[in-house]
Amino acid sequence: MRQTKPSPKKSSPEEEKIKIGVIGTGYVGLVTAVCLAELGHQVIGTDVVREKIDLALAGKPHIYEPGLEELLKKNLKKGHLNFYHDLDKTIREADVLFVCVSTPQLPDGRADMSYVEGVSRRIAENLNAYKLIVEKSTVPVRTSAWIKRVINLYRHNDQDFDVASNPEFLREGSAVHDFLHPDRIIIGVESKRAEKILRKIYARFTEKLLVTNIDTAELIKHASNSFLAMKISFINLISELCEKTEADVELVARGMGLDPRIGPQFLRAGLGYGGSCFPKDVRALIHIGEEMGVDFGLLKEVDRINLRRIRIFVDKIKQALWILRDKKIALLGLSFKPETDDIRNAPSIAIIGELQKERAYLRLYDPQAMENMKKLFPEKEPELVYCQSPYQALEGANAGLIITEWPEFVDLDLNRVKSIMSNPILIDGRNIFDPAKVRALGFEYYSMGRK
């Protein structure tokens, strides 16, 4: 493994332009396609879901991500970006193929690799020239060996190809910024030819490149996400101890974070982690370890602590309201984090399910995620209603729950909130308010790891 040095000489823009196909236009794929086009490459995106391609061609992303729509329209207009419904055509026309298909979690924790295997077969069937196949999806270590085996089994000629790994480190809500301002770019290769091509693709970020073998690159993503999940579960475990004492978890985390060996990132106590990465990657790494005889009991405990956060939060609601049946409860925030409409593994899903079991009346609001949530929980008055503002959700409520730390919730007019609620009770799953200030306004206030 070697850290690269700045290149003393840059190629001309024309030399750097590469024809790239991006297979799969979900959260990772669409951002990847748009941002590679923004870097000046000729990019084709493709997906089996026709609606995603139709929307992209119209300049309308099927996901919410700050800055994405503007760059999508810009690069469509410039001609740097196009989208095909035809996967085979995309494979034949592109020189480099970024595989960004889904690797969802199976019941036993393994990653479902059927989409990767399917794409590998299609690449084999359409291998009309040398191709560099780049794993962008989060995949288990040793996946590259399987991709090569599948292509060799199903191809009809002896055209050469390479497989490389280029894991993504995009945070939903800041994915465009993260792609265009990376803190590191990992490329795992096994040939100089593949390395040279990837260096051209990322020529703007030469100083950020770390070149490894493929197994190392594949493992870095799972290891990184699992470590960050461990930090979150650790501070949440500490928050449970804080609630049994007079300690304040926010100050504990601040004191820990001042140590440069620890740092303040991912030390926010709350409802735990969600999304498409941390839960899946933790369980996938546990399973990878089991297959290779490595005991990841540490990560099993990380997962268990995270799942327990929902029960702790629901217990706080019961502590405040005693009987939840027929109580009107406002849920502010449905996405798993701010600045995204993604609800995959969002804490809100489990919380809604628990409150429905208790037969509470729910009023839901989120700036971006309500349409996605309606697919799981259709509106049914009066039991479950989607609202147009946080104030509409809180009007007449017996309690208000902070589920996602959207900025507009931080800026709520709490005097107005108090005046419209039936009972001024706030249960803050993200610790966005100052307890003393909120209570001074007359609220009954519950938070995570603070008195």
Protein backbone atom coordinates (compact mmCIF):
# COMPACT_ATOMS: atom_id res chain seq x y z
CA MET A 1 0.00 0.00 0.00
CA ARG A 2 1.41 3.38 -0.92
CA GLN A 3 0.43 7.01 -0.58
CA THR A 4 0.84 8.78 -3.90
CA LYS A 5 2.71 12.03 -4.44
CA PRO A 6 1.46 15.04 -6.39
CA SER A 7 1.89 14.58 -10.13
CA PRO A 8 4.48 17.05 -11.49
CA LYS A 9 2.74 17.28 -14.85
CA LYS A 10 -0.95 17.32 -15.71
CA SER A 11 -2.44 16.08 -18.92
CA SER A 12 -4.51 18.36 -21.08
CA PRO A 13 -8.30 18.29 -20.51
CA GLU A 14 -8.78 16.41 -23.77
CA GLU A 15 -6.37 13.67 -22.72
CA GLU A 16 -8.05 13.33 -19.34
CA LYS A 17 -11.59 12.87 -20.68
CA ILE A 18 -12.68 9.23 -20.39
CA LYS A 19 -15.92 7.58 -21.48
CA ILE A 20 -17.48 6.12 -18.37
CA GLY A 21 -20.60 4.02 -17.86
CA VAL A 22 -22.26 4.10 -14.45
CA ILE A 23 -24.40 1.02 -13.86
CA GLY A 24 -27.07 1.72 -11.26
CA THR A 25 -28.37 5.22 -10.55
CA GLY A 26 -29.42 4.99 -6.92
CA TYR A 27 -28.00 7.32 -4.27
CA VAL A 28 -24.39 6.39 -5.02
CA GLY A 29 -24.75 5.83 -8.75
CA LEU A 30 -26.55 9.05 -9.62
CA VAL A 31 -24.18 11.20 -7.57
CA THR A 32 -21.21 9.35 -9.10
CA ALA A 33 -22.48 9.84 -12.65
CA VAL A 34 -23.22 13.53 -12.20
CA CYS A 35 -19.95 14.30 -10.42
CA LEU A 36 -17.78 12.36 -12.87
CA ALA A 37 -19.40 14.42 -15.61
CA GLU A 38 -18.65 17.56 -13.59
CA LEU A 39 -14.99 16.47 -13.62
CA GLY A 40 -15.14 16.65 -17.42
CA HIS A 41 -15.59 13.00 -18.38
CA GLN A 42 -18.14 11.67 -20.84
CA VAL A 43 -20.59 9.75 -18.67
CA ILE A 44 -23.52 7.45 -19.42
CA GLY A 45 -25.80 6.35 -16.58
CA THR A 46 -28.08 3.35 -16.78
CA ASP A 47 -30.55 1.58 -14.52
CA VAL A 48 -33.12 -1.22 -14.76
CA VAL A 49 -35.76 1.13 -13.28
CA ARG A 50 -36.97 3.13 -16.27
CA GLU A 51 -38.50 5.87 -14.15
CA LYS A 52 -35.09 6.78 -12.70
CA ILE A 53 -33.64 7.20 -16.19
CA ASP A 54 -36.64 9.15 -17.49
CA LEU A 55 -36.41 11.55 -14.56
CA ALA A 56 -32.65 11.95 -14.95
CA LEU A 57 -33.00 12.73 -18.65
CA ALA A 58 -35.52 15.40 -17.70
CA GLY A 59 -33.02 16.89 -15.25
CA LYS A 60 -34.95 15.73 -12.19
CA PRO A 61 -33.14 13.47 -9.70
CA HIS A 62 -35.29 10.76 -8.15
CA ILE A 63 -33.57 11.47 -4.81
CA TYR A 64 -33.08 14.62 -2.78
CA GLU A 65 -29.46 15.61 -2.38
CA PRO A 66 -28.29 19.23 -2.03
CA GLY A 67 -26.70 20.54 -5.23
CA LEU A 68 -27.45 17.42 -7.28
CA GLU A 69 -30.24 18.78 -9.47
CA GLU A 70 -28.23 21.84 -10.48
CA LEU A 71 -25.22 19.77 -11.55
CA LEU A 72 -27.43 17.23 -13.31
CA LYS A 73 -29.05 19.91 -15.48
CA LYS A 74 -25.72 21.66 -16.08
CA ASN A 75 -23.95 18.54 -17.36
CA LEU A 76 -26.89 17.34 -19.44
CA LYS A 77 -26.86 20.73 -21.16
CA LYS A 78 -23.08 20.66 -21.68
CA GLY A 79 -23.32 17.18 -23.21
CA HIS A 80 -21.02 15.60 -20.65
CA LEU A 81 -23.82 13.42 -19.28
CA ASN A 82 -26.40 11.10 -20.79
CA PHE A 83 -28.61 8.26 -19.59
CA TYR A 84 -29.57 5.05 -21.39
CA HIS A 85 -32.31 2.57 -20.67
CA ASP A 86 -30.17 -0.02 -22.48
CA LEU A 87 -27.56 -1.62 -20.21
CA ASP A 88 -25.94 -3.58 -23.04
CA LYS A 89 -25.43 -0.42 -25.09
CA THR A 90 -23.89 1.33 -22.09
CA ILE A 91 -21.44 -1.53 -21.59
CA ARG A 92 -20.39 -1.59 -25.23
CA GLU A 93 -19.90 2.18 -25.53
CA ALA A 94 -18.03 2.83 -22.27
CA ASP A 95 -14.33 2.25 -21.65
CA VAL A 96 -14.71 2.21 -17.86
CA LEU A 97 -17.70 0.76 -16.01
CA PHE A 98 -18.52 1.87 -12.49
CA VAL A 99 -20.74 -0.78 -10.86
CA CYS A 100 -23.06 1.03 -8.43
CA VAL A 101 -25.84 -1.53 -8.02
CA SER A 102 -27.48 -2.36 -4.73
CA THR A 103 -26.01 -4.95 -2.33
CA PRO A 104 -28.90 -5.22 0.16
CA GLN A 105 -28.67 -7.11 3.40
CA LEU A 106 -29.94 -10.71 3.56
CA PRO A 107 -31.65 -12.03 6.71
CA ASP A 108 -28.42 -13.63 7.96
CA GLY A 109 -26.43 -10.41 7.59
CA ARG A 110 -24.70 -11.26 4.31
CA ALA A 111 -24.71 -8.80 1.44
CA ASP A 112 -26.94 -9.91 -1.44
CA MET A 113 -24.54 -10.02 -4.36
CA SER A 114 -27.05 -11.15 -6.99
CA TYR A 115 -27.16 -7.73 -8.67
CA VAL A 116 -23.38 -7.57 -8.89
CA GLU A 117 -23.32 -11.09 -10.32
CA GLY A 118 -26.03 -10.19 -12.83
CA VAL A 119 -24.15 -7.11 -14.02
CA SER A 120 -20.94 -9.14 -14.31
CA ARG A 121 -22.70 -11.58 -16.64
CA ARG A 122 -24.02 -8.76 -18.80
CA ILE A 123 -20.55 -7.25 -19.01
CA ALA A 124 -19.19 -10.64 -20.09
CA GLU A 125 -21.83 -10.95 -22.81
CA ASN A 126 -21.04 -7.46 -24.18
CA LEU A 127 -17.26 -7.41 -23.80
CA ASN A 128 -16.36 -5.86 -27.16
CA ALA A 129 -13.04 -4.22 -26.14
CA TYR A 130 -10.83 -3.76 -23.11
CA LYS A 131 -12.91 -2.60 -20.13
CA LEU A 132 -11.98 -1.50 -16.65
CA ILE A 133 -14.71 -2.66 -14.26
CA VAL A 134 -14.72 -0.60 -11.07
CA GLU A 135 -16.54 -1.78 -7.96
CA LYS A 136 -18.23 1.28 -6.48
CA SER A 137 -20.88 -0.60 -4.54
CA THR A 138 -19.99 -1.66 -1.02
CA VAL A 139 -18.97 -5.29 -1.41
CA PRO A 140 -17.38 -7.98 0.77
CA VAL A 141 -13.65 -8.52 0.52
CA ARG A 142 -12.75 -10.94 -2.30
CA THR A 143 -15.69 -9.83 -4.49
CA SER A 144 -13.30 -8.88 -7.31
CA ALA A 145 -12.26 -12.51 -7.62
CA TRP A 146 -15.88 -13.54 -8.13
CA ILE A 147 -16.48 -10.79 -10.70
CA LYS A 148 -13.47 -11.97 -12.69
CA ARG A 149 -14.61 -15.58 -12.48
CA VAL A 150 -18.12 -14.73 -13.70
CA ILE A 151 -16.81 -12.68 -16.62
CA ASN A 152 -14.40 -15.43 -17.62
CA LEU A 153 -17.18 -18.03 -17.44
CA TYR A 154 -19.68 -16.14 -19.59
CA ARG A 155 -17.68 -14.08 -22.09
CA HIS A 156 -17.66 -15.10 -25.75
CA ASN A 157 -14.21 -13.83 -26.70
CA ASP A 158 -10.74 -13.25 -25.30
CA GLN A 159 -11.00 -9.47 -24.87
CA ASP A 160 -8.92 -8.24 -21.97
CA PHE A 161 -10.38 -6.56 -18.88
CA ASP A 162 -9.41 -5.45 -15.39
CA VAL A 163 -11.35 -5.24 -12.15
CA ALA A 164 -10.64 -2.51 -9.62
CA SER A 165 -12.15 -1.29 -6.36
CA ASN A 166 -13.01 2.37 -5.69
CA PRO A 167 -15.22 2.40 -2.57
CA GLU A 168 -17.45 5.42 -2.00
CA PHE A 169 -17.36 7.52 1.14
CA LEU A 170 -20.32 9.76 0.39
CA ARG A 171 -22.46 11.04 3.23
CA GLU A 172 -26.09 11.47 2.32
CA GLY A 173 -26.96 15.12 2.66
CA SER A 174 -23.49 16.20 1.55
CA ALA A 175 -22.72 13.61 -1.14
CA VAL A 176 -22.04 16.05 -3.97
CA HIS A 177 -19.67 18.06 -1.78
CA ASP A 178 -17.97 14.89 -0.56
CA PHE A 179 -17.37 13.66 -4.12
CA LEU A 180 -15.96 16.96 -5.35
CA HIS A 181 -14.00 17.70 -2.16
CA PRO A 182 -12.84 14.24 -0.99
CA ASP A 183 -10.74 13.64 2.08
CA ARG A 184 -9.36 10.50 0.40
CA ILE A 185 -9.89 8.42 -2.72
CA ILE A 186 -9.11 4.72 -2.38
CA ILE A 187 -8.29 2.79 -5.54
CA GLY A 188 -7.58 -0.92 -5.34
CA VAL A 189 -5.91 -2.32 -8.45
CA GLU A 190 -3.90 -5.27 -9.64
CA SER A 191 -2.49 -3.85 -12.87
CA LYS A 192 -0.61 -0.71 -13.88
CA ARG A 193 -3.09 -0.22 -16.71
CA ALA A 194 -6.04 0.00 -14.29
CA GLU A 195 -4.10 2.31 -11.99
CA LYS A 196 -3.22 4.65 -14.85
CA ILE A 197 -6.85 4.93 -15.95
CA LEU A 198 -8.11 5.66 -12.44
CA ARG A 199 -5.38 8.25 -11.95
CA LYS A 200 -6.66 9.99 -15.10
CA ILE A 201 -10.24 9.87 -13.88
CA TYR A 202 -9.25 11.45 -10.59
CA ALA A 203 -6.45 13.66 -11.95
CA ARG A 204 -7.87 16.66 -10.10
CA PHE A 205 -7.35 14.88 -6.77
CA THR A 206 -3.88 13.40 -7.18
CA GLU A 207 -2.85 14.31 -3.63
CA LYS A 208 -5.88 12.50 -2.21
CA LEU A 209 -5.21 9.13 -3.85
CA LEU A 210 -4.29 6.06 -1.86
CA VAL A 211 -3.44 3.08 -4.07
CA THR A 212 -3.79 -0.43 -2.60
CA ASN A 213 -4.45 -3.95 -3.76
CA ILE A 214 -8.11 -4.81 -4.34
CA ASP A 215 -8.72 -6.80 -1.13
CA THR A 216 -7.45 -3.89 0.94
CA ALA A 217 -9.66 -1.36 -0.84
CA GLU A 218 -12.74 -3.57 -0.45
CA LEU A 219 -12.08 -3.99 3.27
CA ILE A 220 -11.44 -0.28 3.95
CA LYS A 221 -15.09 0.64 3.39
CA HIS A 222 -16.53 -1.98 5.75
CA ALA A 223 -13.83 -1.28 8.33
CA SER A 224 -14.41 2.50 8.20
CA ASN A 225 -18.19 2.34 8.56
CA SER A 226 -18.03 -0.28 11.30
CA PHE A 227 -15.55 1.81 13.28
CA LEU A 228 -17.76 4.90 13.03
CA ALA A 229 -20.79 2.85 14.05
CA MET A 230 -18.80 1.64 17.05
CA LYS A 231 -18.14 5.25 18.10
CA ILE A 232 -21.87 6.03 17.91
CA SER A 233 -22.85 2.97 19.92
CA PHE A 234 -20.13 3.69 22.48
CA ILE A 235 -21.35 7.22 23.21
CA ASN A 236 -24.93 5.93 23.34
CA LEU A 237 -23.87 3.36 25.91
CA ILE A 238 -22.21 6.16 27.89
CA SER A 239 -25.44 8.15 27.64
CA GLU A 240 -27.28 5.31 29.39
CA LEU A 241 -24.80 5.59 32.26
CA CYS A 242 -25.20 9.38 32.31
CA GLU A 243 -28.94 8.98 32.81
CA LYS A 244 -28.29 6.91 35.94
CA THR A 245 -26.05 9.66 37.35
CA GLU A 246 -25.79 13.45 37.26
CA ALA A 247 -23.44 13.37 34.26
CA ASP A 248 -24.24 15.14 30.97
CA VAL A 249 -23.40 13.07 27.88
CA GLU A 250 -22.93 16.19 25.76
CA LEU A 251 -20.16 17.40 28.03
CA VAL A 252 -18.68 13.92 28.31
CA ALA A 253 -18.53 13.74 24.51
CA ARG A 254 -17.02 17.23 24.29
CA GLY A 255 -14.34 16.32 26.80
CA MET A 256 -13.56 13.11 24.92
CA GLY A 257 -13.51 14.85 21.56
CA LEU A 258 -10.90 17.36 22.66
CA ASP A 259 -8.42 14.49 22.68
CA PRO A 260 -6.99 14.53 19.13
CA ARG A 261 -6.66 10.74 19.24
CA ILE A 262 -10.44 10.50 19.57
CA GLY A 263 -11.91 13.60 17.89
CA PRO A 264 -15.47 14.94 18.22
CA GLN A 265 -16.99 13.30 15.15
CA PHE A 266 -19.66 10.62 15.66
CA LEU A 267 -19.87 11.25 19.40
CA ARG A 268 -23.47 12.49 19.42
CA ALA A 269 -25.77 10.51 21.68
CA GLY A 270 -29.27 9.98 20.38
CA LEU A 271 -31.44 7.44 18.63
CA GLY A 272 -28.49 5.62 17.07
CA TYR A 273 -27.37 5.21 13.49
CA GLY A 274 -29.52 4.32 10.50
CA GLY A 275 -29.37 4.63 6.73
CA SER A 276 -28.24 2.20 4.09
CA CYS A 277 -24.60 1.88 5.18
CA PHE A 278 -23.86 1.54 8.89
CA PRO A 279 -26.41 -1.16 9.86
CA LYS A 280 -25.74 -3.19 6.73
CA ASP A 281 -21.97 -2.83 6.80
CA VAL A 282 -21.66 -3.75 10.48
CA ARG A 283 -23.64 -6.94 9.95
CA ALA A 284 -21.83 -7.72 6.71
CA LEU A 285 -18.43 -7.44 8.40
CA ILE A 286 -19.64 -9.71 11.21
CA HIS A 287 -20.61 -12.29 8.60
CA ILE A 288 -17.37 -11.87 6.64
CA GLY A 289 -15.48 -12.51 9.87
CA GLU A 290 -17.54 -15.64 10.58
CA GLU A 291 -16.80 -17.00 7.10
CA MET A 292 -13.08 -16.48 7.63
CA GLY A 293 -12.90 -17.61 11.24
CA VAL A 294 -12.60 -14.14 12.84
CA ASP A 295 -14.88 -13.42 15.80
CA PHE A 296 -16.43 -9.95 15.51
CA GLY A 297 -18.27 -10.16 18.82
CA LEU A 298 -17.37 -6.51 19.36
CA LEU A 299 -19.49 -5.50 16.37
CA LYS A 300 -22.37 -7.74 17.48
CA GLU A 301 -22.53 -5.66 20.65
CA VAL A 302 -22.35 -2.44 18.61
CA ASP A 303 -25.41 -3.60 16.65
CA ARG A 304 -27.27 -4.68 19.80
CA ILE A 305 -26.69 -1.31 21.50
CA ASN A 306 -27.94 0.51 18.43
CA LEU A 307 -31.14 -1.51 18.24
CA ARG A 308 -31.79 -0.89 21.95
CA ARG A 309 -31.93 2.88 21.42
CA ILE A 310 -35.45 2.70 20.00
CA ARG A 311 -36.75 0.86 23.07
CA ILE A 312 -35.11 3.43 25.36
CA PHE A 313 -36.73 6.29 23.42
CA VAL A 314 -40.18 4.69 23.42
CA ASP A 315 -39.84 4.13 27.17
CA LYS A 316 -39.23 7.89 27.54
CA ILE A 317 -42.49 8.56 25.69
CA LYS A 318 -44.30 6.22 28.07
CA GLN A 319 -42.59 7.87 31.04
CA ALA A 320 -44.00 11.20 29.88
CA LEU A 321 -47.51 10.11 28.84
CA TRP A 322 -48.05 6.82 30.73
CA ILE A 323 -50.82 5.48 28.44
CA LEU A 324 -50.21 6.13 24.74
CA ARG A 325 -53.55 4.93 23.44
CA ASP A 326 -55.55 7.81 21.89
CA LYS A 327 -52.75 10.28 22.62
CA LYS A 328 -51.88 12.70 19.82
CA ILE A 329 -48.14 12.52 19.17
CA ALA A 330 -46.17 14.64 16.69
CA LEU A 331 -43.09 13.13 15.05
CA LEU A 332 -40.69 15.72 13.66
CA GLY A 333 -38.28 14.12 11.23
CA LEU A 334 -38.62 10.88 9.27
CA SER A 335 -35.37 10.60 7.29
CA PHE A 336 -32.50 8.80 8.97
CA LYS A 337 -30.48 12.06 8.99
CA PRO A 338 -30.95 15.67 7.87
CA GLU A 339 -30.57 16.88 4.27
CA THR A 340 -31.78 13.64 2.68
CA ASP A 341 -35.08 11.97 1.86
CA ASP A 342 -33.66 8.51 2.61
CA ILE A 343 -35.63 6.51 5.18
CA ARG A 344 -33.73 3.22 4.90
CA ASN A 345 -33.20 1.88 8.45
CA ALA A 346 -34.43 5.21 9.79
CA PRO A 347 -35.25 5.15 13.54
CA SER A 348 -38.59 6.77 12.68
CA ILE A 349 -39.82 3.54 11.09
CA ALA A 350 -39.42 1.49 14.26
CA ILE A 351 -40.80 4.31 16.41
CA ILE A 352 -43.91 4.64 14.24
CA GLY A 353 -44.42 0.88 14.43
CA GLU A 354 -44.16 0.87 18.23
CA LEU A 355 -46.55 3.81 18.61
CA GLN A 356 -49.05 2.19 16.26
CA LYS A 357 -49.04 -0.91 18.46
CA GLU A 358 -49.98 1.38 21.35
CA ARG A 359 -52.80 2.87 19.22
CA ALA A 360 -51.61 6.45 19.44
CA TYR A 361 -52.70 9.11 16.95
CA LEU A 362 -49.65 10.13 14.92
CA ARG A 363 -48.92 13.42 13.16
CA LEU A 364 -45.83 13.19 10.94
CA TYR A 365 -43.69 15.89 9.35
CA ASP A 366 -40.37 15.92 7.48
CA PRO A 367 -39.07 18.49 4.97
CA GLN A 368 -38.13 15.86 2.37
CA ALA A 369 -38.95 12.29 3.37
CA MET A 370 -42.74 12.17 3.65
CA GLU A 371 -43.38 10.81 0.15
CA ASN A 372 -41.00 7.92 0.81
CA MET A 373 -42.56 7.24 4.21
CA LYS A 374 -46.06 7.17 2.71
CA LYS A 375 -45.01 4.06 0.81
CA LEU A 376 -44.48 2.26 4.13
CA PHE A 377 -47.16 4.00 6.18
CA PRO A 378 -50.04 5.29 4.02
CA GLU A 379 -52.02 8.15 5.47
CA LYS A 380 -55.07 6.99 7.41
CA GLU A 381 -57.03 9.64 9.27
CA PRO A 382 -57.24 10.10 12.16
CA GLU A 383 -54.68 7.47 13.18
CA LEU A 384 -51.80 8.67 10.98
CA VAL A 385 -51.66 12.04 9.22
CA TYR A 386 -48.88 13.74 7.26
CA CYS A 387 -48.60 17.46 7.96
CA GLN A 388 -47.33 20.43 5.96
CA SER A 389 -45.30 22.05 8.73
CA PRO A 390 -43.91 21.21 12.15
CA TYR A 391 -46.46 23.56 13.71
CA GLN A 392 -49.35 21.75 12.04
CA ALA A 393 -48.00 18.47 13.41
CA LEU A 394 -47.61 19.91 16.93
CA GLU A 395 -51.01 21.59 17.07
CA GLY A 396 -53.07 19.93 19.80
CA ALA A 397 -50.36 17.31 20.43
CA ASN A 398 -49.89 15.64 23.80
CA ALA A 399 -46.18 15.28 23.01
CA GLY A 400 -43.71 16.25 20.33
CA LEU A 401 -40.86 13.94 19.34
CA ILE A 402 -37.63 15.13 17.73
CA ILE A 403 -36.53 12.22 15.52
CA THR A 404 -34.25 13.92 12.98
CA GLU A 405 -32.15 17.02 13.65
CA TRP A 406 -33.29 19.11 10.67
CA PRO A 407 -32.18 22.77 11.04
CA GLU A 408 -35.76 24.02 10.92
CA PHE A 409 -36.53 22.11 14.11
CA VAL A 410 -33.59 23.74 15.86
CA ASP A 411 -35.08 27.11 14.85
CA LEU A 412 -38.63 26.39 16.02
CA ASP A 413 -40.45 29.23 17.79
CA LEU A 414 -40.84 27.41 21.09
CA ASN A 415 -43.22 30.00 22.52
CA ARG A 416 -45.53 29.34 19.59
CA VAL A 417 -45.05 25.59 20.00
CA LYS A 418 -46.05 25.79 23.67
CA SER A 419 -49.16 27.80 22.84
CA ILE A 420 -50.49 25.29 20.29
CA MET A 421 -49.74 21.98 22.05
CA SER A 422 -52.29 20.38 24.34
CA ASN A 423 -49.46 19.36 26.65
CA PRO A 424 -46.09 21.12 26.33
CA ILE A 425 -44.03 17.93 26.36
CA LEU A 426 -40.96 17.51 24.14
CA ILE A 427 -39.02 14.26 23.87
CA ASP A 428 -35.80 15.06 22.05
CA GLY A 429 -34.09 12.08 20.45
CA ARG A 430 -31.28 14.21 19.03
CA ASN A 431 -30.47 16.61 21.91
CA ILE A 432 -31.03 19.69 19.73
CA PHE A 433 -32.30 21.90 22.57
CA ASP A 434 -30.76 23.27 25.75
CA PRO A 435 -32.64 21.55 28.60
CA ALA A 436 -32.55 24.54 30.97
CA LYS A 437 -33.80 27.00 28.34
CA VAL A 438 -36.63 24.74 27.16
CA ARG A 439 -37.79 24.01 30.70
CA ALA A 440 -37.64 27.72 31.54
CA LEU A 441 -40.25 28.25 28.84
CA GLY A 442 -42.58 25.84 30.62
CA PHE A 443 -41.94 22.62 28.76
CA GLU A 444 -41.59 19.16 30.21
CA TYR A 445 -38.45 18.09 28.42
CA TYR A 446 -36.75 14.71 27.98
CA SER A 447 -33.48 14.15 26.13
CA MET A 448 -30.84 11.45 25.67
CA GLY A 449 -28.14 11.15 28.32
CA ARG A 450 -28.92 14.48 29.98
CA LYS A 451 -30.96 15.41 33.02
